[in-house]
């Protein structure tokens, strides 16, 4: 019988723990988006294929899980900016990121009300996410301006404000489809004059 070195066993366990954590976040985001912030955590554990102890080891409270789902979505959005900028022409990177931003808004609309009920509110969490998002849109627009695809007088935050505005004004469940159509309109309207 071959004995495993204690560090090797710990590393494998950490990898399993990381996979469990990632799976919990994936399932929780889907559940919160579909059924709201009060979705059953028992359902999350069942769909993730884990036990309740595993969930609570990673996220001791519903609020901790909500915060991490939100933080993870913001980090994915920020990371996508770099990926799109590396792999796509500037205007297409901007378009792809704005479409992803619509998905982020949709998730945030479900999660934000629950985050707002936390003692002291989520202001630090929202402040940090705002900085990442603003940095991403500024970078993408700067590349598109440099390539000549976008007017140089465009305020990058105006693009985000328009998309967020549609999400707040629209009362229909298909507002996200309207916002995605708006991305095309915004990109066309931001082109330099001919």
N, C-alpha and C. Protein backbone atom coordinates (compact mmCIF):
# COMPACT_ATOMS: atom_id res chain seq x y z
N UNK A 1 0.85 -1.18 0.00
CA UNK A 1 0.00 0.00 0.00
C UNK A 1 0.89 1.25 0.00
N UNK A 2 0.60 2.17 -0.91
CA UNK A 2 1.39 3.40 -1.04
C UNK A 2 0.73 4.49 -0.22
N UNK A 3 1.53 5.10 0.66
CA UNK A 3 1.00 6.20 1.46
C UNK A 3 1.19 7.51 0.69
N UNK A 4 0.17 8.35 0.77
CA UNK A 4 0.27 9.67 0.13
C UNK A 4 0.94 10.63 1.09
N UNK A 5 1.73 11.49 0.51
CA UNK A 5 2.35 12.54 1.31
C UNK A 5 1.25 13.48 1.80
N UNK A 6 1.31 13.93 3.07
CA UNK A 6 0.24 14.78 3.62
C UNK A 6 -0.02 16.04 2.79
N UNK A 7 1.03 16.66 2.24
CA UNK A 7 0.82 17.86 1.43
C UNK A 7 0.07 17.55 0.15
N UNK A 8 0.34 16.38 -0.45
CA UNK A 8 -0.35 15.99 -1.68
C UNK A 8 -1.83 15.83 -1.39
N UNK A 9 -2.16 15.20 -0.27
CA UNK A 9 -3.57 15.02 0.10
C UNK A 9 -4.25 16.37 0.30
N UNK A 10 -3.55 17.29 0.96
CA UNK A 10 -4.14 18.62 1.17
C UNK A 10 -4.36 19.36 -0.13
N UNK A 11 -3.41 19.28 -1.06
CA UNK A 11 -3.57 19.96 -2.34
C UNK A 11 -4.79 19.44 -3.08
N UNK A 12 -4.95 18.11 -3.09
CA UNK A 12 -6.10 17.54 -3.79
C UNK A 12 -7.40 18.00 -3.14
N UNK A 13 -7.41 18.03 -1.84
CA UNK A 13 -8.59 18.49 -1.13
C UNK A 13 -8.88 19.96 -1.48
N UNK A 14 -7.83 20.78 -1.56
CA UNK A 14 -8.05 22.18 -1.91
C UNK A 14 -8.61 22.31 -3.31
N UNK A 15 -8.13 21.50 -4.23
CA UNK A 15 -8.67 21.52 -5.60
C UNK A 15 -10.14 21.13 -5.59
N UNK A 16 -10.49 20.11 -4.83
CA UNK A 16 -11.89 19.71 -4.70
C UNK A 16 -12.71 20.83 -4.09
N UNK A 17 -12.16 21.45 -3.08
CA UNK A 17 -12.87 22.56 -2.42
C UNK A 17 -13.08 23.72 -3.40
N UNK A 18 -12.07 23.99 -4.23
CA UNK A 18 -12.22 25.07 -5.22
C UNK A 18 -13.29 24.72 -6.24
N UNK A 19 -13.32 23.48 -6.67
CA UNK A 19 -14.36 23.06 -7.62
C UNK A 19 -15.74 23.16 -6.99
N UNK A 20 -15.85 22.73 -5.73
CA UNK A 20 -17.14 22.82 -5.04
C UNK A 20 -17.59 24.28 -4.92
N UNK A 21 -16.66 25.14 -4.57
CA UNK A 21 -16.98 26.56 -4.42
C UNK A 21 -17.45 27.15 -5.75
N UNK A 22 -16.73 26.86 -6.81
CA UNK A 22 -17.11 27.36 -8.14
C UNK A 22 -18.48 26.83 -8.55
N UNK A 23 -18.74 25.57 -8.26
CA UNK A 23 -20.04 24.97 -8.61
C UNK A 23 -21.16 25.62 -7.81
N UNK A 24 -20.92 25.86 -6.53
CA UNK A 24 -21.93 26.52 -5.69
C UNK A 24 -22.26 27.89 -6.27
N UNK A 25 -21.24 28.65 -6.63
CA UNK A 25 -21.47 30.00 -7.16
C UNK A 25 -22.23 29.96 -8.48
N UNK A 26 -21.90 29.01 -9.33
CA UNK A 26 -22.58 28.88 -10.62
C UNK A 26 -24.07 28.55 -10.41
N UNK A 27 -24.35 27.59 -9.56
CA UNK A 27 -25.73 27.19 -9.31
C UNK A 27 -26.48 28.30 -8.59
N UNK A 28 -25.84 28.94 -7.62
CA UNK A 28 -26.50 30.00 -6.86
C UNK A 28 -26.85 31.18 -7.75
N UNK A 29 -25.94 31.56 -8.65
CA UNK A 29 -26.25 32.67 -9.57
C UNK A 29 -27.48 32.35 -10.39
N UNK A 30 -27.52 31.15 -10.94
CA UNK A 30 -28.67 30.74 -11.74
C UNK A 30 -29.94 30.75 -10.89
N UNK A 31 -29.87 30.21 -9.69
CA UNK A 31 -31.04 30.15 -8.81
C UNK A 31 -31.51 31.54 -8.40
N UNK A 32 -30.58 32.40 -8.00
CA UNK A 32 -30.95 33.76 -7.60
C UNK A 32 -31.56 34.52 -8.77
N UNK A 33 -31.00 34.35 -9.96
CA UNK A 33 -31.51 35.05 -11.13
C UNK A 33 -32.90 34.56 -11.50
N UNK A 34 -33.12 33.26 -11.40
CA UNK A 34 -34.43 32.70 -11.76
C UNK A 34 -35.50 32.92 -10.71
N UNK A 35 -35.15 32.70 -9.43
CA UNK A 35 -36.18 32.66 -8.39
C UNK A 35 -36.03 33.74 -7.34
N UNK A 36 -35.05 34.61 -7.48
CA UNK A 36 -34.90 35.69 -6.52
C UNK A 36 -33.94 35.34 -5.41
N UNK A 37 -33.64 36.35 -4.62
CA UNK A 37 -32.63 36.21 -3.58
C UNK A 37 -33.05 35.30 -2.44
N UNK A 38 -34.33 35.02 -2.33
CA UNK A 38 -34.80 34.14 -1.25
C UNK A 38 -34.92 32.69 -1.68
N UNK A 39 -34.27 32.34 -2.77
CA UNK A 39 -34.32 30.96 -3.25
C UNK A 39 -33.83 30.01 -2.15
N UNK A 40 -34.30 28.81 -2.18
CA UNK A 40 -33.96 27.81 -1.18
C UNK A 40 -32.49 27.41 -1.30
N UNK A 41 -31.76 27.52 -0.21
CA UNK A 41 -30.37 27.09 -0.22
C UNK A 41 -30.29 25.57 -0.28
N UNK A 42 -31.32 24.88 0.19
CA UNK A 42 -31.37 23.43 0.04
C UNK A 42 -31.40 23.06 -1.44
N UNK A 43 -32.16 23.83 -2.24
CA UNK A 43 -32.19 23.59 -3.68
C UNK A 43 -30.83 23.83 -4.31
N UNK A 44 -30.12 24.85 -3.82
CA UNK A 44 -28.78 25.15 -4.35
C UNK A 44 -27.86 23.96 -4.08
N UNK A 45 -27.90 23.43 -2.86
CA UNK A 45 -27.01 22.31 -2.54
C UNK A 45 -27.36 21.08 -3.38
N UNK A 46 -28.64 20.82 -3.57
CA UNK A 46 -29.06 19.66 -4.38
C UNK A 46 -28.59 19.81 -5.83
N UNK A 47 -28.83 20.99 -6.41
CA UNK A 47 -28.43 21.20 -7.80
C UNK A 47 -26.92 21.22 -7.97
N UNK A 48 -26.20 21.65 -6.93
CA UNK A 48 -24.74 21.67 -7.01
C UNK A 48 -24.15 20.29 -6.74
N UNK A 49 -24.97 19.38 -6.21
CA UNK A 49 -24.49 18.03 -5.92
C UNK A 49 -23.57 17.98 -4.72
N UNK A 50 -23.86 18.84 -3.73
CA UNK A 50 -23.04 18.89 -2.52
C UNK A 50 -23.95 18.81 -1.31
N UNK A 51 -23.34 18.63 -0.14
CA UNK A 51 -24.10 18.63 1.10
C UNK A 51 -24.20 20.04 1.67
N UNK A 52 -25.15 20.20 2.58
CA UNK A 52 -25.34 21.51 3.22
C UNK A 52 -24.08 21.96 3.95
N UNK A 53 -23.37 21.01 4.55
CA UNK A 53 -22.14 21.36 5.27
C UNK A 53 -21.11 22.00 4.36
N UNK A 54 -21.01 21.49 3.14
CA UNK A 54 -20.07 22.05 2.18
C UNK A 54 -20.46 23.48 1.83
N UNK A 55 -21.75 23.71 1.60
CA UNK A 55 -22.22 25.07 1.30
C UNK A 55 -21.87 26.02 2.43
N UNK A 56 -22.21 25.63 3.66
CA UNK A 56 -22.00 26.53 4.80
C UNK A 56 -20.54 26.67 5.19
N UNK A 57 -19.70 25.72 4.82
CA UNK A 57 -18.27 25.85 5.05
C UNK A 57 -17.70 26.98 4.18
N UNK A 58 -18.21 27.07 2.95
CA UNK A 58 -17.75 28.12 2.04
C UNK A 58 -18.48 29.44 2.28
N UNK A 59 -19.78 29.35 2.55
CA UNK A 59 -20.61 30.55 2.68
C UNK A 59 -21.50 30.38 3.91
N UNK A 60 -21.06 30.89 5.07
CA UNK A 60 -21.78 30.64 6.31
C UNK A 60 -23.18 31.25 6.38
N UNK A 61 -23.46 32.24 5.52
CA UNK A 61 -24.79 32.86 5.51
C UNK A 61 -25.26 33.07 4.08
N UNK A 62 -26.55 33.25 3.92
CA UNK A 62 -27.13 33.57 2.61
C UNK A 62 -26.49 34.86 2.08
N UNK A 63 -26.31 35.83 2.97
CA UNK A 63 -25.73 37.12 2.56
C UNK A 63 -24.31 36.94 2.03
N UNK A 64 -23.53 36.06 2.67
CA UNK A 64 -22.17 35.81 2.20
C UNK A 64 -22.20 35.20 0.79
N UNK A 65 -23.15 34.31 0.56
CA UNK A 65 -23.28 33.69 -0.77
C UNK A 65 -23.71 34.73 -1.80
N UNK A 66 -24.69 35.56 -1.46
CA UNK A 66 -25.13 36.62 -2.37
C UNK A 66 -23.99 37.56 -2.73
N UNK A 67 -23.25 37.98 -1.71
CA UNK A 67 -22.13 38.90 -1.96
C UNK A 67 -21.10 38.27 -2.89
N UNK A 68 -20.80 37.00 -2.67
CA UNK A 68 -19.78 36.37 -3.49
C UNK A 68 -20.26 36.13 -4.91
N UNK A 69 -21.55 35.83 -5.08
CA UNK A 69 -22.10 35.70 -6.43
C UNK A 69 -21.95 37.03 -7.16
N UNK A 70 -22.30 38.10 -6.48
CA UNK A 70 -22.20 39.43 -7.08
C UNK A 70 -20.75 39.77 -7.41
N UNK A 71 -19.86 39.56 -6.45
CA UNK A 71 -18.43 39.87 -6.65
C UNK A 71 -17.86 39.05 -7.82
N UNK A 72 -18.24 37.79 -7.89
CA UNK A 72 -17.75 36.93 -8.96
C UNK A 72 -18.22 37.42 -10.32
N UNK A 73 -19.47 37.86 -10.41
CA UNK A 73 -19.99 38.37 -11.68
C UNK A 73 -19.23 39.62 -12.12
N UNK A 74 -18.94 40.50 -11.17
CA UNK A 74 -18.19 41.71 -11.51
C UNK A 74 -16.78 41.36 -11.98
N UNK A 75 -16.14 40.41 -11.29
CA UNK A 75 -14.79 40.01 -11.68
C UNK A 75 -14.80 39.36 -13.06
N UNK A 76 -15.82 38.58 -13.38
CA UNK A 76 -15.92 37.99 -14.72
C UNK A 76 -16.09 39.07 -15.79
N UNK A 77 -16.89 40.07 -15.47
CA UNK A 77 -17.11 41.17 -16.40
C UNK A 77 -15.80 41.91 -16.66
N UNK A 78 -15.06 42.17 -15.60
CA UNK A 78 -13.77 42.86 -15.74
C UNK A 78 -12.77 42.00 -16.52
N UNK A 79 -12.73 40.72 -16.24
CA UNK A 79 -11.81 39.82 -16.94
C UNK A 79 -12.18 39.70 -18.42
N UNK A 80 -13.47 39.75 -18.71
CA UNK A 80 -13.92 39.65 -20.10
C UNK A 80 -13.40 40.82 -20.93
N UNK A 81 -13.29 41.97 -20.33
CA UNK A 81 -12.76 43.14 -21.06
C UNK A 81 -11.37 42.82 -21.60
N UNK A 82 -10.53 42.25 -20.77
CA UNK A 82 -9.17 41.93 -21.20
C UNK A 82 -9.16 40.84 -22.27
N UNK A 83 -9.99 39.83 -22.08
CA UNK A 83 -10.08 38.73 -23.05
C UNK A 83 -10.58 39.24 -24.40
N UNK A 84 -11.68 40.02 -24.38
CA UNK A 84 -12.23 40.55 -25.62
C UNK A 84 -11.23 41.47 -26.32
N UNK A 85 -10.55 42.32 -25.54
CA UNK A 85 -9.58 43.25 -26.12
C UNK A 85 -8.43 42.49 -26.79
N UNK A 86 -8.06 41.37 -26.22
CA UNK A 86 -6.97 40.57 -26.77
C UNK A 86 -7.40 39.82 -28.03
N UNK A 87 -8.65 39.34 -28.06
CA UNK A 87 -9.08 38.41 -29.11
C UNK A 87 -9.95 39.02 -30.21
N UNK A 88 -10.40 40.26 -30.07
CA UNK A 88 -11.34 40.82 -31.04
C UNK A 88 -10.89 42.20 -31.50
N UNK A 89 -11.36 42.63 -32.67
CA UNK A 89 -11.14 44.02 -33.06
C UNK A 89 -11.81 44.95 -32.04
N UNK A 90 -11.31 46.17 -31.88
CA UNK A 90 -11.81 47.07 -30.83
C UNK A 90 -13.33 47.25 -30.80
N UNK A 91 -13.96 47.48 -31.94
CA UNK A 91 -15.40 47.74 -31.95
C UNK A 91 -16.18 46.48 -31.56
N UNK A 92 -15.70 45.32 -31.99
CA UNK A 92 -16.37 44.06 -31.63
C UNK A 92 -16.16 43.72 -30.16
N UNK A 93 -14.99 44.05 -29.62
CA UNK A 93 -14.73 43.84 -28.20
C UNK A 93 -15.68 44.70 -27.37
N UNK A 94 -15.86 45.94 -27.78
CA UNK A 94 -16.78 46.84 -27.08
C UNK A 94 -18.20 46.30 -27.14
N UNK A 95 -18.64 45.87 -28.30
CA UNK A 95 -19.99 45.33 -28.48
C UNK A 95 -20.20 44.08 -27.61
N UNK A 96 -19.25 43.16 -27.65
CA UNK A 96 -19.36 41.92 -26.88
C UNK A 96 -19.41 42.21 -25.39
N UNK A 97 -18.59 43.14 -24.94
CA UNK A 97 -18.57 43.47 -23.51
C UNK A 97 -19.88 44.14 -23.08
N UNK A 98 -20.41 45.02 -23.93
CA UNK A 98 -21.68 45.67 -23.58
C UNK A 98 -22.82 44.65 -23.50
N UNK A 99 -22.81 43.66 -24.38
CA UNK A 99 -23.82 42.60 -24.31
C UNK A 99 -23.68 41.81 -23.00
N UNK A 100 -22.45 41.55 -22.60
CA UNK A 100 -22.21 40.87 -21.33
C UNK A 100 -22.65 41.75 -20.16
N UNK A 101 -22.47 43.06 -20.30
CA UNK A 101 -22.90 44.00 -19.26
C UNK A 101 -24.42 43.92 -19.05
N UNK A 102 -25.17 43.71 -20.12
CA UNK A 102 -26.64 43.56 -19.99
C UNK A 102 -26.94 42.34 -19.11
N UNK A 103 -26.23 41.24 -19.32
CA UNK A 103 -26.43 40.06 -18.48
C UNK A 103 -26.08 40.36 -17.03
N UNK A 104 -25.03 41.13 -16.81
CA UNK A 104 -24.64 41.53 -15.45
C UNK A 104 -25.75 42.35 -14.80
N UNK A 105 -26.33 43.29 -15.55
CA UNK A 105 -27.42 44.11 -14.99
C UNK A 105 -28.58 43.21 -14.58
N UNK A 106 -28.89 42.24 -15.42
CA UNK A 106 -30.00 41.34 -15.13
C UNK A 106 -29.76 40.60 -13.82
N UNK A 107 -28.56 40.08 -13.62
CA UNK A 107 -28.23 39.37 -12.38
C UNK A 107 -28.25 40.34 -11.20
N UNK A 108 -27.73 41.54 -11.41
CA UNK A 108 -27.67 42.52 -10.32
C UNK A 108 -29.07 42.94 -9.87
N UNK A 109 -30.00 43.04 -10.80
CA UNK A 109 -31.36 43.45 -10.42
C UNK A 109 -31.99 42.47 -9.44
N UNK A 110 -31.63 41.20 -9.55
CA UNK A 110 -32.16 40.19 -8.64
C UNK A 110 -31.42 40.24 -7.31
N UNK A 111 -30.11 40.37 -7.37
CA UNK A 111 -29.29 40.25 -6.18
C UNK A 111 -29.21 41.55 -5.38
N UNK A 112 -29.21 42.69 -6.04
CA UNK A 112 -29.01 43.98 -5.36
C UNK A 112 -30.03 44.24 -4.26
N UNK A 113 -31.33 43.99 -4.45
CA UNK A 113 -32.25 44.25 -3.35
C UNK A 113 -31.91 43.48 -2.07
N UNK A 114 -31.46 42.25 -2.23
CA UNK A 114 -31.07 41.48 -1.05
C UNK A 114 -29.80 42.05 -0.43
N UNK A 115 -28.86 42.48 -1.27
CA UNK A 115 -27.64 43.07 -0.75
C UNK A 115 -27.94 44.38 -0.02
N UNK A 116 -28.93 45.11 -0.48
CA UNK A 116 -29.28 46.39 0.14
C UNK A 116 -29.84 46.21 1.54
N UNK A 117 -30.32 45.01 1.87
CA UNK A 117 -30.88 44.78 3.20
C UNK A 117 -29.81 44.43 4.23
N UNK A 118 -28.58 44.22 3.78
CA UNK A 118 -27.51 43.89 4.72
C UNK A 118 -27.27 45.06 5.66
N UNK A 119 -26.90 44.75 6.87
CA UNK A 119 -26.60 45.80 7.84
C UNK A 119 -25.46 46.65 7.29
N UNK A 120 -25.69 47.93 7.21
CA UNK A 120 -24.68 48.83 6.68
C UNK A 120 -24.71 48.92 5.16
N UNK A 121 -25.51 48.10 4.52
CA UNK A 121 -25.64 48.15 3.06
C UNK A 121 -24.40 47.64 2.35
N UNK A 122 -24.52 47.49 1.06
CA UNK A 122 -23.43 46.92 0.26
C UNK A 122 -22.52 47.98 -0.37
N UNK A 123 -22.47 49.18 0.21
CA UNK A 123 -21.78 50.27 -0.48
C UNK A 123 -20.33 49.95 -0.83
N UNK A 124 -19.59 49.30 0.06
CA UNK A 124 -18.19 48.98 -0.25
C UNK A 124 -18.12 48.01 -1.43
N UNK A 125 -19.01 47.04 -1.44
CA UNK A 125 -19.05 46.07 -2.52
C UNK A 125 -19.39 46.75 -3.84
N UNK A 126 -20.40 47.62 -3.82
CA UNK A 126 -20.81 48.33 -5.04
C UNK A 126 -19.74 49.32 -5.49
N UNK A 127 -19.07 49.98 -4.54
CA UNK A 127 -18.00 50.92 -4.90
C UNK A 127 -16.87 50.20 -5.62
N UNK A 128 -16.47 49.06 -5.09
CA UNK A 128 -15.38 48.30 -5.72
C UNK A 128 -15.80 47.82 -7.10
N UNK A 129 -17.03 47.35 -7.23
CA UNK A 129 -17.49 46.86 -8.52
C UNK A 129 -17.59 48.00 -9.52
N UNK A 130 -18.02 49.15 -9.07
CA UNK A 130 -18.13 50.30 -9.96
C UNK A 130 -16.78 50.68 -10.55
N UNK A 131 -15.75 50.61 -9.75
CA UNK A 131 -14.40 50.94 -10.25
C UNK A 131 -13.95 49.97 -11.32
N UNK A 132 -14.21 48.68 -11.12
CA UNK A 132 -13.81 47.67 -12.12
C UNK A 132 -14.57 47.87 -13.43
N UNK A 133 -15.86 48.14 -13.32
CA UNK A 133 -16.70 48.30 -14.51
C UNK A 133 -16.31 49.56 -15.28
N UNK A 134 -16.10 50.65 -14.54
CA UNK A 134 -15.70 51.90 -15.20
C UNK A 134 -14.35 51.74 -15.88
N UNK A 135 -13.43 51.06 -15.24
CA UNK A 135 -12.12 50.83 -15.85
C UNK A 135 -12.23 50.03 -17.14
N UNK A 136 -13.09 49.02 -17.13
CA UNK A 136 -13.26 48.17 -18.31
C UNK A 136 -13.84 48.97 -19.48
N UNK A 137 -14.91 49.72 -19.24
CA UNK A 137 -15.55 50.45 -20.35
C UNK A 137 -14.62 51.55 -20.87
N UNK A 138 -13.89 52.20 -19.98
CA UNK A 138 -12.95 53.25 -20.42
C UNK A 138 -11.87 52.64 -21.32
N UNK A 139 -11.35 51.49 -20.94
CA UNK A 139 -10.31 50.84 -21.73
C UNK A 139 -10.83 50.43 -23.10
N UNK A 140 -12.02 49.83 -23.14
CA UNK A 140 -12.59 49.38 -24.41
C UNK A 140 -12.89 50.55 -25.34
N UNK A 141 -13.45 51.61 -24.80
CA UNK A 141 -13.77 52.78 -25.62
C UNK A 141 -12.48 53.44 -26.11
N UNK A 142 -11.47 53.52 -25.26
CA UNK A 142 -10.19 54.12 -25.69
C UNK A 142 -9.60 53.36 -26.87
N UNK A 143 -9.66 52.04 -26.84
CA UNK A 143 -9.17 51.24 -27.97
C UNK A 143 -9.99 51.52 -29.23
N UNK A 144 -11.31 51.62 -29.08
CA UNK A 144 -12.17 51.85 -30.24
C UNK A 144 -11.98 53.26 -30.80
N UNK A 145 -11.70 54.22 -29.93
CA UNK A 145 -11.40 55.59 -30.40
C UNK A 145 -10.08 55.58 -31.15
N UNK A 146 -9.09 54.91 -30.58
CA UNK A 146 -7.76 54.86 -31.22
C UNK A 146 -7.82 54.18 -32.59
N UNK A 147 -8.69 53.20 -32.74
CA UNK A 147 -8.81 52.51 -34.04
C UNK A 147 -9.65 53.30 -35.03
N UNK A 148 -10.30 54.38 -34.55
CA UNK A 148 -11.14 55.18 -35.43
C UNK A 148 -12.57 54.68 -35.55
N UNK A 149 -12.94 53.68 -34.75
CA UNK A 149 -14.29 53.12 -34.80
C UNK A 149 -15.32 53.93 -34.01
N UNK A 150 -14.86 54.70 -33.05
CA UNK A 150 -15.74 55.45 -32.16
C UNK A 150 -15.27 56.91 -32.12
N UNK A 151 -16.23 57.82 -32.00
CA UNK A 151 -15.91 59.25 -31.90
C UNK A 151 -15.07 59.53 -30.65
N UNK A 152 -14.18 60.46 -30.75
CA UNK A 152 -13.29 60.76 -29.62
C UNK A 152 -13.98 61.53 -28.51
N UNK A 153 -15.13 62.15 -28.79
CA UNK A 153 -15.81 62.93 -27.76
C UNK A 153 -16.83 62.10 -26.97
N UNK A 154 -16.84 60.80 -27.17
CA UNK A 154 -17.79 59.93 -26.48
C UNK A 154 -17.38 59.74 -25.02
N UNK A 155 -18.33 59.93 -24.11
CA UNK A 155 -18.10 59.62 -22.70
C UNK A 155 -18.45 58.14 -22.51
N UNK A 156 -17.48 57.30 -22.17
CA UNK A 156 -17.76 55.87 -22.04
C UNK A 156 -18.91 55.55 -21.08
N UNK A 157 -19.05 56.35 -20.04
CA UNK A 157 -20.10 56.07 -19.07
C UNK A 157 -21.50 56.31 -19.64
N UNK A 158 -21.60 57.12 -20.69
CA UNK A 158 -22.90 57.32 -21.33
C UNK A 158 -23.44 56.01 -21.90
N UNK A 159 -22.56 55.17 -22.41
CA UNK A 159 -23.00 53.88 -22.93
C UNK A 159 -23.60 53.03 -21.81
N UNK A 160 -22.94 53.02 -20.67
CA UNK A 160 -23.45 52.24 -19.54
C UNK A 160 -24.74 52.84 -19.00
N UNK A 161 -24.79 54.16 -18.91
CA UNK A 161 -26.00 54.82 -18.40
C UNK A 161 -27.22 54.47 -19.27
N UNK A 162 -27.02 54.44 -20.57
CA UNK A 162 -28.12 54.10 -21.47
C UNK A 162 -28.63 52.68 -21.20
N UNK A 163 -27.71 51.74 -21.04
CA UNK A 163 -28.12 50.35 -20.80
C UNK A 163 -28.78 50.18 -19.44
N UNK A 164 -28.23 50.84 -18.43
CA UNK A 164 -28.83 50.77 -17.09
C UNK A 164 -30.19 51.44 -17.12
N UNK A 165 -30.30 52.55 -17.85
CA UNK A 165 -31.58 53.25 -17.95
C UNK A 165 -32.67 52.39 -18.54
N UNK A 166 -32.35 51.64 -19.56
CA UNK A 166 -33.34 50.73 -20.16
C UNK A 166 -33.78 49.70 -19.14
N UNK A 167 -32.87 49.22 -18.34
CA UNK A 167 -33.22 48.20 -17.35
C UNK A 167 -34.14 48.76 -16.27
N UNK A 168 -34.00 50.03 -15.95
CA UNK A 168 -34.85 50.63 -14.91
C UNK A 168 -36.21 51.06 -15.45
N UNK A 169 -36.25 51.46 -16.70
CA UNK A 169 -37.50 51.94 -17.29
C UNK A 169 -38.38 50.78 -17.73
N UNK A 170 -37.76 49.76 -18.28
CA UNK A 170 -38.53 48.64 -18.83
C UNK A 170 -39.17 47.84 -17.72
N UNK A 171 -40.46 47.60 -17.86
CA UNK A 171 -41.15 46.80 -16.85
C UNK A 171 -41.43 45.39 -17.35
N UNK A 172 -41.20 45.16 -18.62
CA UNK A 172 -41.49 43.85 -19.17
C UNK A 172 -40.34 42.88 -18.89
N UNK A 173 -40.64 41.61 -18.83
CA UNK A 173 -39.59 40.63 -18.57
C UNK A 173 -38.58 40.51 -19.70
N UNK A 174 -38.91 41.03 -20.88
CA UNK A 174 -37.97 40.93 -22.00
C UNK A 174 -37.14 42.21 -22.19
N UNK A 175 -36.98 43.00 -21.12
CA UNK A 175 -36.21 44.24 -21.22
C UNK A 175 -34.77 43.95 -21.66
N UNK A 176 -34.23 42.79 -21.27
CA UNK A 176 -32.84 42.47 -21.62
C UNK A 176 -32.69 42.37 -23.14
N UNK A 177 -33.70 41.85 -23.83
CA UNK A 177 -33.64 41.79 -25.29
C UNK A 177 -33.63 43.19 -25.88
N UNK A 178 -34.43 44.09 -25.30
CA UNK A 178 -34.43 45.50 -25.75
C UNK A 178 -33.06 46.12 -25.51
N UNK A 179 -32.47 45.84 -24.36
CA UNK A 179 -31.16 46.40 -24.05
C UNK A 179 -30.10 45.88 -25.01
N UNK A 180 -30.21 44.62 -25.40
CA UNK A 180 -29.24 44.06 -26.34
C UNK A 180 -29.39 44.69 -27.73
N UNK A 181 -30.62 45.00 -28.11
CA UNK A 181 -30.81 45.72 -29.38
C UNK A 181 -30.25 47.14 -29.26
N UNK A 182 -30.38 47.71 -28.08
CA UNK A 182 -29.87 49.06 -27.85
C UNK A 182 -28.34 49.11 -27.99
N UNK A 183 -27.66 48.01 -27.67
CA UNK A 183 -26.21 47.97 -27.83
C UNK A 183 -25.85 48.28 -29.29
N UNK A 184 -26.55 47.66 -30.22
CA UNK A 184 -26.28 47.91 -31.65
C UNK A 184 -26.53 49.36 -31.99
N UNK A 185 -27.63 49.93 -31.49
CA UNK A 185 -27.96 51.33 -31.76
C UNK A 185 -26.87 52.24 -31.18
N UNK A 186 -26.43 51.96 -29.96
CA UNK A 186 -25.40 52.79 -29.33
C UNK A 186 -24.08 52.73 -30.09
N UNK A 187 -23.71 51.53 -30.52
CA UNK A 187 -22.47 51.40 -31.29
C UNK A 187 -22.58 52.19 -32.59
N UNK A 188 -23.68 52.05 -33.31
CA UNK A 188 -23.85 52.79 -34.56
C UNK A 188 -23.85 54.30 -34.33
N UNK A 189 -24.51 54.74 -33.28
CA UNK A 189 -24.57 56.16 -32.96
C UNK A 189 -23.26 56.74 -32.46
N UNK A 190 -22.34 55.88 -32.07
CA UNK A 190 -21.05 56.35 -31.55
C UNK A 190 -19.97 56.40 -32.62
N UNK A 191 -20.31 56.01 -33.83
CA UNK A 191 -19.33 56.03 -34.92
C UNK A 191 -18.97 57.48 -35.25
N UNK A 192 -17.76 57.71 -35.73
CA UNK A 192 -17.38 59.07 -36.13
C UNK A 192 -18.20 59.51 -37.36
N UNK A 193 -18.43 60.81 -37.50
CA UNK A 193 -19.16 61.27 -38.68
C UNK A 193 -18.41 60.93 -39.96
N UNK A 194 -19.16 60.62 -40.99
CA UNK A 194 -18.54 60.23 -42.28
C UNK A 194 -17.96 61.42 -43.00
